[in-house]
Protein backbone atom coordinates (compact mmCIF):
# COMPACT_ATOMS: atom_id res chain seq x y z
CA MET A 1 0.00 0.00 0.00
CA ALA A 2 1.46 3.36 -1.00
CA SER A 3 1.71 6.04 1.66
CA SER A 4 -0.41 9.12 1.11
CA LEU A 5 2.53 11.15 2.47
CA LEU A 6 4.71 10.30 -0.51
CA PRO A 7 4.13 11.86 -3.92
CA PRO A 8 3.55 9.40 -6.78
CA LEU A 9 6.62 8.64 -8.87
CA ALA A 10 6.89 10.51 -12.12
CA PRO A 11 6.61 8.01 -15.01
CA GLU A 12 10.12 8.85 -16.18
CA LEU A 13 11.50 7.98 -12.71
CA ALA A 14 9.68 4.68 -12.35
CA SER A 15 12.02 1.69 -12.48
CA PRO A 16 11.51 -0.98 -15.12
CA GLU A 17 9.54 -3.96 -13.93
CA LEU A 18 11.97 -6.70 -12.98
CA THR A 19 10.86 -10.26 -12.41
CA ARG A 20 12.33 -13.65 -11.52
CA ALA A 21 13.11 -14.01 -15.23
CA ASP A 22 15.71 -11.25 -14.76
CA VAL A 23 17.78 -13.45 -12.41
CA THR A 24 20.18 -16.14 -13.60
CA LEU A 25 20.56 -18.76 -10.89
CA GLU A 26 23.83 -20.57 -11.57
CA ARG A 27 23.95 -22.75 -8.46
CA ARG A 28 21.82 -23.48 -5.39
CA GLU A 29 23.23 -25.52 -2.50
CA THR A 30 21.64 -26.42 0.83
CA LEU A 31 24.20 -25.72 3.55
CA TYR A 32 21.97 -26.71 6.46
CA GLN A 33 18.52 -28.27 6.81
CA GLY A 34 16.98 -28.26 10.26
CA PHE A 35 14.03 -26.31 11.63
CA PHE A 36 15.08 -23.67 9.09
CA ARG A 37 17.08 -24.08 5.89
CA LEU A 38 20.24 -22.21 4.91
CA GLU A 39 21.12 -22.15 1.23
CA GLU A 40 23.94 -20.64 -0.77
CA LEU A 41 23.01 -19.19 -4.16
CA THR A 42 25.36 -18.24 -6.97
CA LEU A 43 23.55 -15.81 -9.24
CA LYS A 44 23.57 -12.66 -11.30
CA HIS A 45 20.73 -10.29 -12.13
CA ARG A 46 19.67 -7.56 -14.48
CA LEU A 47 20.61 -4.03 -13.39
CA PHE A 48 18.26 -1.05 -13.36
CA GLU A 49 20.72 0.95 -15.47
CA GLY A 50 20.95 -1.89 -17.97
CA GLY A 51 23.29 -4.80 -18.33
CA GLU A 52 23.87 -7.52 -15.79
CA SER A 53 25.53 -7.73 -12.37
CA GLN A 54 28.69 -9.65 -11.71
CA THR A 55 28.19 -13.21 -10.47
CA MET A 56 27.64 -13.13 -6.70
CA ARG A 57 27.21 -15.58 -3.87
CA ARG A 58 24.48 -14.99 -1.31
CA GLU A 59 23.24 -17.02 1.63
CA ILE A 60 19.52 -17.16 2.23
CA HIS A 61 17.73 -18.24 5.36
CA SER A 62 14.47 -19.95 4.40
CA ARG A 63 11.67 -20.09 6.91
CA PHE A 64 7.96 -20.62 7.06
CA ASP A 65 5.33 -17.93 6.56
CA ALA A 66 4.68 -15.94 9.71
CA VAL A 67 2.07 -13.57 11.08
CA GLY A 68 2.71 -10.52 13.26
CA VAL A 69 0.03 -8.88 15.39
CA LEU A 70 0.09 -5.32 16.68
CA LEU A 71 -2.07 -5.54 19.79
CA TYR A 72 -3.72 -2.33 21.00
CA ASP A 73 -5.23 -1.69 24.45
CA PRO A 74 -7.84 1.07 23.99
CA GLN A 75 -8.30 1.53 27.76
CA ARG A 76 -4.62 2.40 28.16
CA ASP A 77 -4.23 3.86 24.65
CA ALA A 78 -1.10 1.72 24.27
CA VAL A 79 0.29 -1.00 22.07
CA VAL A 80 1.16 -4.35 23.63
CA LEU A 81 4.60 -5.86 23.07
CA VAL A 82 6.08 -9.09 24.36
CA GLU A 83 9.60 -9.67 25.61
CA GLN A 84 11.19 -12.88 24.37
CA PHE A 85 14.61 -14.49 24.31
CA ARG A 86 16.15 -14.57 20.82
CA ALA A 87 19.10 -16.89 20.21
CA GLY A 88 20.13 -14.75 17.23
CA ALA A 89 20.73 -11.86 19.63
CA ILE A 90 22.93 -13.88 22.01
CA ASP A 91 25.87 -11.52 21.39
CA ASP A 92 23.87 -8.31 21.90
CA PRO A 93 25.74 -6.51 24.71
CA ARG A 94 22.50 -5.17 26.21
CA SER A 95 20.40 -8.35 26.25
CA PRO A 96 19.26 -11.23 24.06
CA TRP A 97 15.68 -10.62 25.31
CA LYS A 98 13.86 -8.42 22.80
CA LEU A 99 10.62 -6.44 22.79
CA GLU A 100 8.53 -7.56 19.82
CA LEU A 101 5.13 -7.77 18.26
CA VAL A 102 3.23 -10.94 18.99
CA ALA A 103 4.13 -13.26 16.09
CA GLY A 104 4.15 -16.87 15.06
CA LEU A 105 4.77 -19.30 12.26
CA VAL A 106 1.90 -20.51 10.10
CA GLU A 107 1.44 -24.25 10.40
CA GLU A 108 0.10 -26.37 7.54
CA GLY A 109 -3.64 -25.87 7.08
CA GLU A 110 -3.80 -22.86 9.40
CA THR A 111 -5.28 -19.51 8.36
CA LEU A 112 -3.43 -16.28 9.04
CA GLU A 113 -6.27 -15.16 11.31
CA ALA A 114 -6.08 -18.38 13.33
CA VAL A 115 -2.33 -17.92 13.83
CA ALA A 116 -2.87 -14.32 14.94
CA ARG A 117 -5.47 -15.37 17.52
CA ARG A 118 -3.42 -18.35 18.75
CA GLU A 119 -0.22 -16.39 19.16
CA ALA A 120 -1.95 -13.44 20.86
CA MET A 121 -3.31 -15.83 23.48
CA GLU A 122 -0.07 -17.88 23.84
CA GLU A 123 2.35 -14.98 23.99
CA ALA A 124 0.35 -12.18 25.58
CA GLY A 125 -2.75 -13.75 27.13
CA CYS A 126 -4.88 -11.55 24.85
CA GLU A 127 -8.07 -12.60 23.11
CA VAL A 128 -8.34 -11.00 19.68
CA ASN A 129 -11.87 -10.04 18.61
């Protein structure tokens, strides 16, 4: 959704439409497969100014779809955040516990709305109407 605070792009400034067809995937290797998957890609892609990028290697962390919920308490006029331990922040000098939105992974056959309601109850004890 475009912000009403930003002016629309002038047609001459709009970038060309790039798609998956504008990427040449030379190699894809799974480096790790556990709860998440880590892959290494060797690829090149079309450039906005024309031509093609140099071949590059990139790691991608594949995960499941997730849902985030911004809970709001109208009586307090405040948003509700949860504090959770995050292993990826283990080296953060302040703390590996982070303030976050309520969020969760979508399990097979689950709707986004069901995940939002489940996670709001599990993580924050909130019933979403």
